[in-house]
């Protein structure tokens, strides 16, 4: 839509990123003061943990549940929904063929990202909610759930590295650009540096 196109500007993106970083610094600054060294009496091991009860609840509900799980999924799902609407409307718009192909590639990448987000974030969030609020008394079941949660956490962290691999697999244009940057720019720069080092200076 034309009324939204004025928001698609690199300066606005820079401002949003700076604002998000500023908010994140303020929101996470209590971690610098509220973590303390605690010695466990049974094992004599010193650990670094939070002792403030209010910040424990804040960290559990807001930081992990909302910021770490729900918010990334909602953002990705929203962009996926817009991409789905875009791919339905693309056949009715009069746009150049190159622009149409680029829109299709972008839509495909976003939809794949939504699907991967669903499988990488949702399982760890479900196991976390079961462990935190399930009131489970069986120690064996708790140990099994913690093992599953550790595996799902590894899958959760793969979410942050997934966009690069998704773009490489889904976008031919991205692959060509990546190969161009690696082979044409960085490789030539590296070869030129080696040639400079190996150059023999003649003695007069």
N, C-alpha and C. Protein backbone atom coordinates (compact mmCIF):
# COMPACT_ATOMS: atom_id res chain seq x y z
N UNK A 1 0.83 -1.19 0.00
CA UNK A 1 0.00 0.00 0.00
C UNK A 1 0.87 1.25 0.00
N UNK A 2 0.37 2.28 -0.68
CA UNK A 2 1.17 3.49 -0.84
C UNK A 2 1.39 4.19 0.49
N UNK A 3 0.40 4.17 1.36
CA UNK A 3 0.53 4.89 2.64
C UNK A 3 1.58 4.25 3.55
N UNK A 4 1.89 2.97 3.34
CA UNK A 4 2.92 2.31 4.14
C UNK A 4 4.31 2.39 3.51
N UNK A 5 4.38 2.77 2.24
CA UNK A 5 5.67 2.79 1.56
C UNK A 5 6.62 3.84 2.11
N UNK A 6 6.06 4.92 2.68
CA UNK A 6 6.94 5.96 3.23
C UNK A 6 7.68 5.49 4.47
N UNK A 7 7.21 4.38 5.09
CA UNK A 7 7.91 3.81 6.24
C UNK A 7 9.05 2.88 5.82
N UNK A 8 9.09 2.49 4.55
CA UNK A 8 10.13 1.59 4.06
C UNK A 8 11.35 2.42 3.64
N UNK A 9 12.08 2.87 4.63
CA UNK A 9 13.23 3.73 4.37
C UNK A 9 14.37 3.31 5.28
N UNK A 10 15.60 3.39 4.78
CA UNK A 10 16.75 2.91 5.54
C UNK A 10 16.98 3.76 6.79
N UNK A 11 16.68 5.06 6.73
CA UNK A 11 16.86 5.92 7.90
C UNK A 11 15.91 5.53 9.03
N UNK A 12 14.68 5.18 8.67
CA UNK A 12 13.72 4.74 9.68
C UNK A 12 14.18 3.42 10.30
N UNK A 13 14.74 2.53 9.48
CA UNK A 13 15.26 1.26 10.01
C UNK A 13 16.40 1.50 10.99
N UNK A 14 17.30 2.44 10.68
CA UNK A 14 18.39 2.78 11.60
C UNK A 14 17.84 3.30 12.92
N UNK A 15 16.84 4.17 12.86
CA UNK A 15 16.27 4.74 14.08
C UNK A 15 15.59 3.67 14.93
N UNK A 16 14.90 2.75 14.28
CA UNK A 16 14.23 1.67 15.02
C UNK A 16 15.27 0.78 15.70
N UNK A 17 16.36 0.48 15.01
CA UNK A 17 17.42 -0.36 15.59
C UNK A 17 18.06 0.33 16.78
N UNK A 18 18.37 1.62 16.64
CA UNK A 18 18.98 2.37 17.75
C UNK A 18 18.03 2.43 18.94
N UNK A 19 16.74 2.65 18.68
CA UNK A 19 15.75 2.70 19.76
C UNK A 19 15.63 1.34 20.45
N UNK A 20 15.62 0.25 19.66
CA UNK A 20 15.52 -1.09 20.24
C UNK A 20 16.74 -1.42 21.09
N UNK A 21 17.94 -1.03 20.63
CA UNK A 21 19.16 -1.26 21.42
C UNK A 21 19.11 -0.48 22.73
N UNK A 22 18.64 0.76 22.67
CA UNK A 22 18.54 1.61 23.86
C UNK A 22 17.58 1.00 24.89
N UNK A 23 16.43 0.53 24.41
CA UNK A 23 15.45 -0.10 25.31
C UNK A 23 16.01 -1.39 25.90
N UNK A 24 16.72 -2.18 25.09
CA UNK A 24 17.29 -3.44 25.59
C UNK A 24 18.35 -3.18 26.66
N UNK A 25 19.16 -2.14 26.49
CA UNK A 25 20.18 -1.81 27.49
C UNK A 25 19.52 -1.43 28.81
N UNK A 26 18.48 -0.61 28.74
CA UNK A 26 17.77 -0.21 29.97
C UNK A 26 17.09 -1.41 30.62
N UNK A 27 16.48 -2.25 29.79
CA UNK A 27 15.72 -3.39 30.33
C UNK A 27 16.62 -4.45 30.96
N UNK A 28 17.83 -4.62 30.42
CA UNK A 28 18.74 -5.64 30.93
C UNK A 28 19.75 -5.11 31.94
N UNK A 29 19.77 -3.81 32.19
CA UNK A 29 20.75 -3.23 33.11
C UNK A 29 20.66 -3.77 34.54
N UNK A 30 19.48 -4.16 35.06
CA UNK A 30 19.46 -4.74 36.42
C UNK A 30 20.29 -6.00 36.58
N UNK A 31 20.58 -6.70 35.48
CA UNK A 31 21.41 -7.91 35.57
C UNK A 31 22.81 -7.61 36.08
N UNK A 32 23.28 -6.38 35.88
CA UNK A 32 24.62 -6.00 36.34
C UNK A 32 24.70 -5.92 37.85
N UNK A 33 23.56 -5.74 38.52
CA UNK A 33 23.56 -5.49 39.96
C UNK A 33 22.89 -6.61 40.77
N UNK A 34 21.99 -7.37 40.15
CA UNK A 34 21.17 -8.31 40.92
C UNK A 34 21.70 -9.74 40.91
N UNK A 35 22.69 -10.04 40.09
CA UNK A 35 23.32 -11.37 40.14
C UNK A 35 24.34 -11.40 41.28
N UNK A 36 24.30 -12.47 42.08
CA UNK A 36 25.19 -12.59 43.23
C UNK A 36 25.81 -13.99 43.26
N UNK A 37 26.97 -14.08 43.94
CA UNK A 37 27.63 -15.37 44.14
C UNK A 37 27.02 -16.05 45.36
N UNK A 38 26.48 -17.24 45.14
CA UNK A 38 25.85 -18.01 46.22
C UNK A 38 26.56 -19.36 46.34
N UNK A 39 26.87 -19.73 47.57
CA UNK A 39 27.53 -21.02 47.82
C UNK A 39 26.48 -22.05 48.23
N UNK A 40 26.41 -23.14 47.47
CA UNK A 40 25.47 -24.21 47.78
C UNK A 40 26.03 -25.04 48.93
N UNK A 41 25.25 -25.16 50.00
CA UNK A 41 25.75 -25.81 51.22
C UNK A 41 25.99 -27.30 51.03
N UNK A 42 25.20 -27.95 50.18
CA UNK A 42 25.33 -29.40 50.03
C UNK A 42 26.54 -29.81 49.20
N UNK A 43 26.92 -28.97 48.23
CA UNK A 43 28.02 -29.33 47.33
C UNK A 43 29.23 -28.40 47.45
N UNK A 44 29.07 -27.30 48.21
CA UNK A 44 30.14 -26.29 48.37
C UNK A 44 30.57 -25.68 47.03
N UNK A 45 29.63 -25.63 46.10
CA UNK A 45 29.89 -25.03 44.79
C UNK A 45 29.33 -23.61 44.79
N UNK A 46 30.12 -22.68 44.28
CA UNK A 46 29.69 -21.29 44.19
C UNK A 46 29.09 -21.05 42.81
N UNK A 47 27.87 -20.55 42.80
CA UNK A 47 27.18 -20.26 41.53
C UNK A 47 26.80 -18.78 41.49
N UNK A 48 26.58 -18.29 40.29
CA UNK A 48 26.13 -16.91 40.09
C UNK A 48 24.66 -16.96 39.73
N UNK A 49 23.81 -16.40 40.57
CA UNK A 49 22.37 -16.49 40.36
C UNK A 49 21.67 -15.24 40.88
N UNK A 50 20.39 -15.16 40.61
CA UNK A 50 19.57 -14.03 41.06
C UNK A 50 18.93 -14.38 42.39
N UNK A 51 18.97 -13.45 43.33
CA UNK A 51 18.35 -13.66 44.63
C UNK A 51 17.13 -12.77 44.84
N UNK A 52 17.00 -11.74 44.03
CA UNK A 52 15.85 -10.84 44.15
C UNK A 52 14.60 -11.52 43.59
N UNK A 53 13.59 -11.71 44.44
CA UNK A 53 12.41 -12.46 44.05
C UNK A 53 11.63 -11.75 42.94
N UNK A 54 11.55 -10.43 43.01
CA UNK A 54 10.82 -9.68 41.98
C UNK A 54 11.49 -9.83 40.61
N UNK A 55 12.83 -9.74 40.59
CA UNK A 55 13.53 -9.86 39.31
C UNK A 55 13.49 -11.29 38.79
N UNK A 56 13.40 -12.27 39.67
CA UNK A 56 13.24 -13.66 39.23
C UNK A 56 11.94 -13.81 38.44
N UNK A 57 10.85 -13.25 39.01
CA UNK A 57 9.57 -13.30 38.31
C UNK A 57 9.61 -12.51 37.01
N UNK A 58 10.25 -11.34 37.06
CA UNK A 58 10.37 -10.51 35.86
C UNK A 58 11.17 -11.22 34.78
N UNK A 59 12.26 -11.87 35.18
CA UNK A 59 13.10 -12.59 34.23
C UNK A 59 12.39 -13.80 33.66
N UNK A 60 11.59 -14.47 34.50
CA UNK A 60 10.88 -15.67 34.06
C UNK A 60 9.77 -15.34 33.08
N UNK A 61 8.93 -14.37 33.45
CA UNK A 61 7.75 -14.08 32.64
C UNK A 61 8.06 -13.16 31.46
N UNK A 62 8.79 -12.08 31.72
CA UNK A 62 8.98 -11.07 30.68
C UNK A 62 10.16 -11.39 29.77
N UNK A 63 11.34 -11.57 30.38
CA UNK A 63 12.55 -11.77 29.57
C UNK A 63 12.49 -13.06 28.76
N UNK A 64 12.23 -14.16 29.44
CA UNK A 64 12.29 -15.44 28.75
C UNK A 64 11.02 -15.73 27.96
N UNK A 65 9.86 -15.60 28.64
CA UNK A 65 8.62 -16.03 28.01
C UNK A 65 8.18 -15.08 26.89
N UNK A 66 8.18 -13.76 27.19
CA UNK A 66 7.66 -12.80 26.21
C UNK A 66 8.74 -12.39 25.22
N UNK A 67 9.86 -11.84 25.74
CA UNK A 67 10.91 -11.34 24.85
C UNK A 67 11.61 -12.48 24.10
N UNK A 68 11.87 -13.58 24.80
CA UNK A 68 12.65 -14.65 24.18
C UNK A 68 11.86 -15.62 23.34
N UNK A 69 10.54 -15.73 23.55
CA UNK A 69 9.76 -16.73 22.83
C UNK A 69 8.56 -16.17 22.09
N UNK A 70 7.66 -15.52 22.83
CA UNK A 70 6.41 -15.09 22.21
C UNK A 70 6.63 -13.97 21.20
N UNK A 71 7.43 -12.95 21.58
CA UNK A 71 7.63 -11.80 20.69
C UNK A 71 8.29 -12.17 19.36
N UNK A 72 9.40 -12.95 19.35
CA UNK A 72 9.97 -13.33 18.04
C UNK A 72 9.00 -14.11 17.17
N UNK A 73 8.21 -14.98 17.80
CA UNK A 73 7.26 -15.76 17.01
C UNK A 73 6.16 -14.87 16.44
N UNK A 74 5.65 -13.91 17.25
CA UNK A 74 4.60 -13.02 16.76
C UNK A 74 5.10 -12.13 15.62
N UNK A 75 6.33 -11.63 15.77
CA UNK A 75 6.89 -10.78 14.71
C UNK A 75 7.06 -11.58 13.42
N UNK A 76 7.65 -12.78 13.53
CA UNK A 76 7.85 -13.61 12.34
C UNK A 76 6.53 -14.03 11.73
N UNK A 77 5.55 -14.36 12.58
CA UNK A 77 4.23 -14.76 12.08
C UNK A 77 3.54 -13.60 11.37
N UNK A 78 3.69 -12.38 11.91
CA UNK A 78 3.08 -11.20 11.29
C UNK A 78 3.67 -10.95 9.90
N UNK A 79 4.99 -11.04 9.80
CA UNK A 79 5.61 -10.85 8.49
C UNK A 79 5.26 -12.00 7.54
N UNK A 80 5.10 -13.20 8.07
CA UNK A 80 4.67 -14.31 7.23
C UNK A 80 3.26 -14.12 6.71
N UNK A 81 2.38 -13.57 7.55
CA UNK A 81 1.01 -13.29 7.12
C UNK A 81 0.99 -12.22 6.03
N UNK A 82 1.81 -11.18 6.21
CA UNK A 82 1.90 -10.15 5.17
C UNK A 82 2.48 -10.71 3.88
N UNK A 83 3.45 -11.62 4.02
CA UNK A 83 4.04 -12.24 2.82
C UNK A 83 3.01 -13.11 2.10
N UNK A 84 2.17 -13.80 2.87
CA UNK A 84 1.12 -14.63 2.26
C UNK A 84 0.11 -13.77 1.51
N UNK A 85 -0.26 -12.64 2.11
CA UNK A 85 -1.17 -11.72 1.42
C UNK A 85 -0.51 -11.14 0.18
N UNK A 86 0.78 -10.89 0.27
CA UNK A 86 1.50 -10.33 -0.87
C UNK A 86 1.55 -11.30 -2.05
N UNK A 87 1.76 -12.58 -1.75
CA UNK A 87 1.84 -13.57 -2.84
C UNK A 87 0.47 -13.83 -3.46
N UNK A 88 -0.61 -13.57 -2.72
CA UNK A 88 -1.95 -13.71 -3.29
C UNK A 88 -2.29 -12.52 -4.19
N UNK A 89 -1.76 -11.34 -3.83
CA UNK A 89 -2.08 -10.13 -4.60
C UNK A 89 -1.11 -9.87 -5.73
N UNK A 90 0.00 -10.60 -5.78
CA UNK A 90 1.05 -10.28 -6.75
C UNK A 90 0.60 -10.52 -8.19
N UNK A 91 -0.32 -11.47 -8.39
CA UNK A 91 -0.78 -11.77 -9.74
C UNK A 91 -1.72 -10.70 -10.29
N UNK A 92 -2.26 -9.87 -9.39
CA UNK A 92 -3.21 -8.85 -9.83
C UNK A 92 -2.55 -7.48 -9.99
N UNK A 93 -1.25 -7.38 -9.71
CA UNK A 93 -0.57 -6.10 -9.81
C UNK A 93 0.23 -6.01 -11.10
N UNK A 94 0.29 -4.82 -11.63
CA UNK A 94 1.07 -4.58 -12.84
C UNK A 94 2.46 -4.11 -12.44
N UNK A 95 3.38 -5.07 -12.36
CA UNK A 95 4.75 -4.76 -11.96
C UNK A 95 5.69 -5.44 -12.95
N UNK A 96 6.92 -4.94 -13.09
CA UNK A 96 7.88 -5.60 -13.99
C UNK A 96 8.15 -7.04 -13.58
N UNK A 97 8.56 -7.84 -14.55
CA UNK A 97 8.78 -9.26 -14.30
C UNK A 97 9.88 -9.49 -13.29
N UNK A 98 10.96 -8.70 -13.34
CA UNK A 98 12.06 -8.85 -12.38
C UNK A 98 11.58 -8.56 -10.98
N UNK A 99 10.79 -7.49 -10.82
CA UNK A 99 10.25 -7.14 -9.50
C UNK A 99 9.34 -8.24 -8.97
N UNK A 100 8.56 -8.84 -9.87
CA UNK A 100 7.66 -9.92 -9.46
C UNK A 100 8.45 -11.13 -8.97
N UNK A 101 9.53 -11.47 -9.67
CA UNK A 101 10.35 -12.61 -9.25
C UNK A 101 11.03 -12.34 -7.90
N UNK A 102 11.49 -11.11 -7.70
CA UNK A 102 12.10 -10.76 -6.42
C UNK A 102 11.09 -10.84 -5.29
N UNK A 103 9.86 -10.39 -5.54
CA UNK A 103 8.81 -10.48 -4.53
C UNK A 103 8.50 -11.93 -4.18
N UNK A 104 8.49 -12.79 -5.19
CA UNK A 104 8.23 -14.21 -4.94
C UNK A 104 9.34 -14.83 -4.10
N UNK A 105 10.60 -14.49 -4.40
CA UNK A 105 11.71 -15.03 -3.62
C UNK A 105 11.65 -14.55 -2.18
N UNK A 106 11.37 -13.27 -1.99
CA UNK A 106 11.28 -12.72 -0.64
C UNK A 106 10.14 -13.37 0.13
N UNK A 107 9.01 -13.56 -0.53
CA UNK A 107 7.86 -14.19 0.13
C UNK A 107 8.19 -15.63 0.52
N UNK A 108 8.86 -16.35 -0.36
CA UNK A 108 9.26 -17.73 -0.05
C UNK A 108 10.18 -17.79 1.15
N UNK A 109 11.16 -16.88 1.21
CA UNK A 109 12.10 -16.87 2.34
C UNK A 109 11.39 -16.59 3.65
N UNK A 110 10.46 -15.63 3.64
CA UNK A 110 9.74 -15.28 4.87
C UNK A 110 8.86 -16.44 5.32
N UNK A 111 8.17 -17.09 4.40
CA UNK A 111 7.30 -18.21 4.78
C UNK A 111 8.11 -19.39 5.34
N UNK A 112 9.27 -19.68 4.74
CA UNK A 112 10.13 -20.74 5.28
C UNK A 112 10.62 -20.36 6.67
N UNK A 113 10.94 -19.07 6.87
CA UNK A 113 11.38 -18.61 8.19
C UNK A 113 10.28 -18.78 9.22
N UNK A 114 9.03 -18.52 8.85
CA UNK A 114 7.90 -18.71 9.77
C UNK A 114 7.78 -20.17 10.18
N UNK A 115 7.88 -21.07 9.21
CA UNK A 115 7.76 -22.50 9.51
C UNK A 115 8.89 -22.96 10.42
N UNK A 116 10.12 -22.51 10.13
CA UNK A 116 11.25 -22.91 10.98
C UNK A 116 11.12 -22.32 12.38
N UNK A 117 10.63 -21.10 12.47
CA UNK A 117 10.42 -20.48 13.79
C UNK A 117 9.43 -21.29 14.61
N UNK A 118 8.38 -21.78 13.96
CA UNK A 118 7.38 -22.58 14.65
C UNK A 118 8.01 -23.83 15.26
N UNK A 119 8.89 -24.50 14.52
CA UNK A 119 9.48 -25.75 15.00
C UNK A 119 10.68 -25.53 15.92
N UNK A 120 11.27 -24.34 15.92
CA UNK A 120 12.45 -24.10 16.76
C UNK A 120 12.12 -23.43 18.09
N UNK A 121 11.12 -22.58 18.12
CA UNK A 121 10.80 -21.83 19.34
C UNK A 121 9.69 -22.50 20.15
N UNK A 122 8.65 -22.96 19.48
CA UNK A 122 7.47 -23.47 20.20
C UNK A 122 7.77 -24.67 21.09
N UNK A 123 8.55 -25.69 20.66
CA UNK A 123 8.79 -26.83 21.55
C UNK A 123 9.47 -26.46 22.86
N UNK A 124 10.51 -25.62 22.80
CA UNK A 124 11.20 -25.24 24.04
C UNK A 124 10.30 -24.43 24.95
N UNK A 125 9.43 -23.60 24.37
CA UNK A 125 8.51 -22.81 25.19
C UNK A 125 7.50 -23.71 25.89
N UNK A 126 7.00 -24.73 25.20
CA UNK A 126 6.03 -25.65 25.81
C UNK A 126 6.67 -26.43 26.95
N UNK A 127 7.88 -26.97 26.74
CA UNK A 127 8.56 -27.71 27.80
C UNK A 127 8.88 -26.80 28.98
N UNK A 128 9.27 -25.56 28.70
CA UNK A 128 9.56 -24.61 29.78
C UNK A 128 8.31 -24.34 30.61
N UNK A 129 7.16 -24.15 29.97
CA UNK A 129 5.92 -23.91 30.70
C UNK A 129 5.53 -25.12 31.54
N UNK A 130 5.75 -26.32 31.00
CA UNK A 130 5.43 -27.53 31.77
C UNK A 130 6.32 -27.64 33.00
N UNK A 131 7.62 -27.36 32.83
CA UNK A 131 8.55 -27.44 33.97
C UNK A 131 8.28 -26.35 35.00
N UNK A 132 7.94 -25.15 34.53
CA UNK A 132 7.78 -24.03 35.45
C UNK A 132 6.44 -24.04 36.17
N UNK A 133 5.40 -24.46 35.49
CA UNK A 133 4.06 -24.32 36.07
C UNK A 133 3.28 -25.63 36.12
N UNK A 134 3.95 -26.76 35.81
CA UNK A 134 3.23 -28.02 35.80
C UNK A 134 3.05 -28.67 37.16
N UNK A 135 3.79 -28.20 38.17
CA UNK A 135 3.71 -28.77 39.53
C UNK A 135 3.92 -30.29 39.50
N UNK A 136 5.01 -30.71 38.85
CA UNK A 136 5.31 -32.14 38.70
C UNK A 136 6.10 -32.61 39.92
N UNK A 137 5.68 -33.74 40.50
CA UNK A 137 6.32 -34.29 41.69
C UNK A 137 7.25 -35.46 41.38
N UNK A 138 7.05 -36.10 40.24
CA UNK A 138 7.87 -37.26 39.87
C UNK A 138 9.26 -36.79 39.45
N UNK A 139 10.29 -37.20 40.20
CA UNK A 139 11.66 -36.76 39.92
C UNK A 139 12.19 -37.32 38.60
N UNK A 140 11.79 -38.55 38.28
CA UNK A 140 12.24 -39.15 37.02
C UNK A 140 11.66 -38.39 35.83
N UNK A 141 10.38 -38.04 35.93
CA UNK A 141 9.74 -37.27 34.86
C UNK A 141 10.36 -35.89 34.72
N UNK A 142 10.71 -35.28 35.84
CA UNK A 142 11.36 -33.97 35.81
C UNK A 142 12.72 -34.07 35.11
N UNK A 143 13.48 -35.13 35.42
CA UNK A 143 14.79 -35.32 34.78
C UNK A 143 14.62 -35.54 33.27
N UNK A 144 13.61 -36.30 32.88
CA UNK A 144 13.37 -36.53 31.46
C UNK A 144 12.98 -35.24 30.74
N UNK A 145 12.13 -34.45 31.39
CA UNK A 145 11.71 -33.17 30.80
C UNK A 145 12.88 -32.20 30.69
N UNK A 146 13.77 -32.22 31.67
CA UNK A 146 14.95 -31.34 31.61
C UNK A 146 15.89 -31.75 30.48
N UNK A 147 16.01 -33.06 30.25
CA UNK A 147 16.82 -33.53 29.13
C UNK A 147 16.21 -33.08 27.80
N UNK A 148 14.89 -33.23 27.68
CA UNK A 148 14.21 -32.78 26.47
C UNK A 148 14.35 -31.27 26.30
N UNK A 149 14.25 -30.55 27.42
CA UNK A 149 14.37 -29.10 27.36
C UNK A 149 15.77 -28.68 26.92
N UNK A 150 16.81 -29.39 27.37
CA UNK A 150 18.17 -29.08 26.94
C UNK A 150 18.34 -29.28 25.44
N UNK A 151 17.73 -30.35 24.91
CA UNK A 151 17.79 -30.58 23.46
C UNK A 151 17.03 -29.51 22.71
N UNK A 152 15.82 -29.17 23.22
CA UNK A 152 15.02 -28.15 22.57
C UNK A 152 15.66 -26.77 22.65
N UNK A 153 16.46 -26.53 23.70
CA UNK A 153 17.16 -25.25 23.81
C UNK A 153 18.21 -25.11 22.71
N UNK A 154 18.90 -26.20 22.39
CA UNK A 154 19.84 -26.17 21.26
C UNK A 154 19.12 -25.84 19.96
N UNK A 155 17.93 -26.43 19.79
CA UNK A 155 17.13 -26.12 18.60
C UNK A 155 16.67 -24.67 18.63
N UNK A 156 16.37 -24.17 19.84
CA UNK A 156 15.94 -22.77 19.99
C UNK A 156 17.03 -21.80 19.56
N UNK A 157 18.27 -22.08 19.95
CA UNK A 157 19.37 -21.18 19.58
C UNK A 157 19.70 -21.26 18.09
N UNK A 158 19.34 -22.36 17.45
CA UNK A 158 19.56 -22.44 16.00
C UNK A 158 18.66 -21.46 15.25
N UNK A 159 17.60 -21.00 15.90
CA UNK A 159 16.70 -20.02 15.28
C UNK A 159 17.44 -18.75 14.91
N UNK A 160 18.41 -18.33 15.73
CA UNK A 160 19.11 -17.08 15.50
C UNK A 160 20.11 -17.18 14.34
N UNK A 161 20.53 -18.40 14.00
CA UNK A 161 21.45 -18.59 12.87
C UNK A 161 20.73 -19.04 11.61
N UNK A 162 19.45 -19.35 11.73
CA UNK A 162 18.72 -19.94 10.61
C UNK A 162 18.50 -19.01 9.42
N UNK A 163 18.31 -17.68 9.60
CA UNK A 163 18.03 -16.85 8.42
C UNK A 163 19.07 -16.96 7.32
N UNK A 164 20.35 -16.99 7.69
CA UNK A 164 21.40 -17.08 6.66
C UNK A 164 21.24 -18.34 5.82
N UNK A 165 21.06 -19.49 6.46
CA UNK A 165 20.96 -20.75 5.73
C UNK A 165 19.65 -20.83 4.95
N UNK A 166 18.59 -20.25 5.50
CA UNK A 166 17.31 -20.23 4.78
C UNK A 166 17.44 -19.39 3.51
N UNK A 167 18.08 -18.23 3.62
CA UNK A 167 18.23 -17.37 2.45
C UNK A 167 19.12 -18.02 1.39
N UNK A 168 20.17 -18.72 1.83
CA UNK A 168 21.05 -19.41 0.88
C UNK A 168 20.29 -20.50 0.14
N UNK A 169 19.45 -21.25 0.85
CA UNK A 169 18.73 -22.36 0.24
C UNK A 169 17.55 -21.89 -0.61
N UNK A 170 16.88 -20.82 -0.19
CA UNK A 170 15.63 -20.43 -0.83
C UNK A 170 15.79 -19.39 -1.93
N UNK A 171 16.86 -18.62 -1.90
CA UNK A 171 17.00 -17.50 -2.84
C UNK A 171 18.19 -17.72 -3.76
N UNK A 172 17.92 -17.85 -5.05
CA UNK A 172 19.00 -17.97 -6.03
C UNK A 172 19.79 -16.67 -6.14
N UNK A 173 19.11 -15.55 -6.03
CA UNK A 173 19.78 -14.25 -6.09
C UNK A 173 20.74 -14.08 -4.92
N UNK A 174 20.32 -14.52 -3.73
CA UNK A 174 21.18 -14.42 -2.55
C UNK A 174 22.41 -15.31 -2.71
N UNK A 175 22.23 -16.51 -3.28
CA UNK A 175 23.36 -17.42 -3.50
C UNK A 175 24.36 -16.81 -4.47
N UNK A 176 23.86 -16.24 -5.56
CA UNK A 176 24.76 -15.62 -6.53
C UNK A 176 25.53 -14.46 -5.91
N UNK A 177 24.84 -13.66 -5.10
CA UNK A 177 25.50 -12.53 -4.47
C UNK A 177 26.54 -13.00 -3.46
N UNK A 178 26.23 -14.07 -2.71
CA UNK A 178 27.18 -14.62 -1.75
C UNK A 178 28.43 -15.14 -2.45
N UNK A 179 28.23 -15.89 -3.54
CA UNK A 179 29.38 -16.41 -4.30
C UNK A 179 30.20 -15.26 -4.88
N UNK A 180 29.52 -14.23 -5.35
CA UNK A 180 30.23 -13.08 -5.91
C UNK A 180 31.09 -12.39 -4.85
N UNK A 181 30.52 -12.21 -3.66
CA UNK A 181 31.26 -11.52 -2.59
C UNK A 181 32.46 -12.35 -2.15
N UNK A 182 32.27 -13.68 -2.03
CA UNK A 182 33.37 -14.53 -1.55
C UNK A 182 34.46 -14.69 -2.61
N UNK A 183 34.05 -15.01 -3.83
CA UNK A 183 35.03 -15.35 -4.87
C UNK A 183 35.61 -14.13 -5.57
N UNK A 184 34.77 -13.15 -5.85
CA UNK A 184 35.22 -12.02 -6.65
C UNK A 184 35.86 -10.91 -5.82
N UNK A 185 35.37 -10.72 -4.61
CA UNK A 185 35.85 -9.59 -3.81
C UNK A 185 36.90 -10.05 -2.80
N UNK A 186 36.50 -10.93 -1.86
CA UNK A 186 37.41 -11.32 -0.78
C UNK A 186 38.56 -12.19 -1.28
N UNK A 187 38.28 -13.09 -2.21
CA UNK A 187 39.35 -13.96 -2.72
C UNK A 187 40.39 -13.16 -3.50
N UNK A 188 39.94 -12.22 -4.32
CA UNK A 188 40.89 -11.38 -5.05
C UNK A 188 41.69 -10.51 -4.11
N UNK A 189 41.03 -10.00 -3.07
CA UNK A 189 41.75 -9.18 -2.09
C UNK A 189 42.81 -10.01 -1.37
N UNK A 190 42.47 -11.28 -1.04
CA UNK A 190 43.42 -12.16 -0.37
C UNK A 190 44.58 -12.51 -1.29
N UNK A 191 44.29 -12.77 -2.57
CA UNK A 191 45.35 -13.09 -3.53
C UNK A 191 46.27 -11.90 -3.76
N UNK A 192 45.69 -10.70 -3.79
CA UNK A 192 46.51 -9.50 -3.96
C UNK A 192 47.43 -9.29 -2.77
N UNK A 193 46.93 -9.60 -1.57
CA UNK A 193 47.76 -9.47 -0.37
C UNK A 193 48.92 -10.46 -0.39
N UNK A 194 48.66 -11.71 -0.83
CA UNK A 194 49.73 -12.71 -0.92
C UNK A 194 50.78 -12.29 -1.95
N UNK A 195 50.30 -11.76 -3.07
CA UNK A 195 51.24 -11.32 -4.11
C UNK A 195 52.12 -10.19 -3.62
N UNK A 196 51.56 -9.31 -2.79
CA UNK A 196 52.35 -8.21 -2.24
C UNK A 196 53.40 -8.71 -1.27
N UNK A 197 53.04 -9.71 -0.45
CA UNK A 197 53.99 -10.26 0.52
C UNK A 197 55.12 -11.00 -0.17
N UNK A 198 54.80 -11.73 -1.25
CA UNK A 198 55.81 -12.54 -1.94
C UNK A 198 56.65 -11.75 -2.95
N UNK A 199 56.35 -10.50 -3.09
CA UNK A 199 57.09 -9.70 -4.07
C UNK A 199 58.53 -9.50 -3.60
N UNK A 200 59.48 -9.73 -4.49
CA UNK A 200 60.90 -9.60 -4.17
C UNK A 200 61.37 -8.20 -4.54
N UNK A 201 61.97 -7.50 -3.59
CA UNK A 201 62.49 -6.16 -3.84
C UNK A 201 63.93 -6.29 -4.32
N UNK A 202 64.24 -5.83 -5.53
CA UNK A 202 65.61 -5.98 -6.06
C UNK A 202 66.58 -5.05 -5.34
N UNK A 203 67.82 -5.53 -5.15
CA UNK A 203 68.86 -4.71 -4.53
C UNK A 203 69.66 -4.01 -5.62
N UNK A 204 69.91 -2.74 -5.42
CA UNK A 204 70.68 -1.95 -6.38
C UNK A 204 72.14 -1.96 -5.97
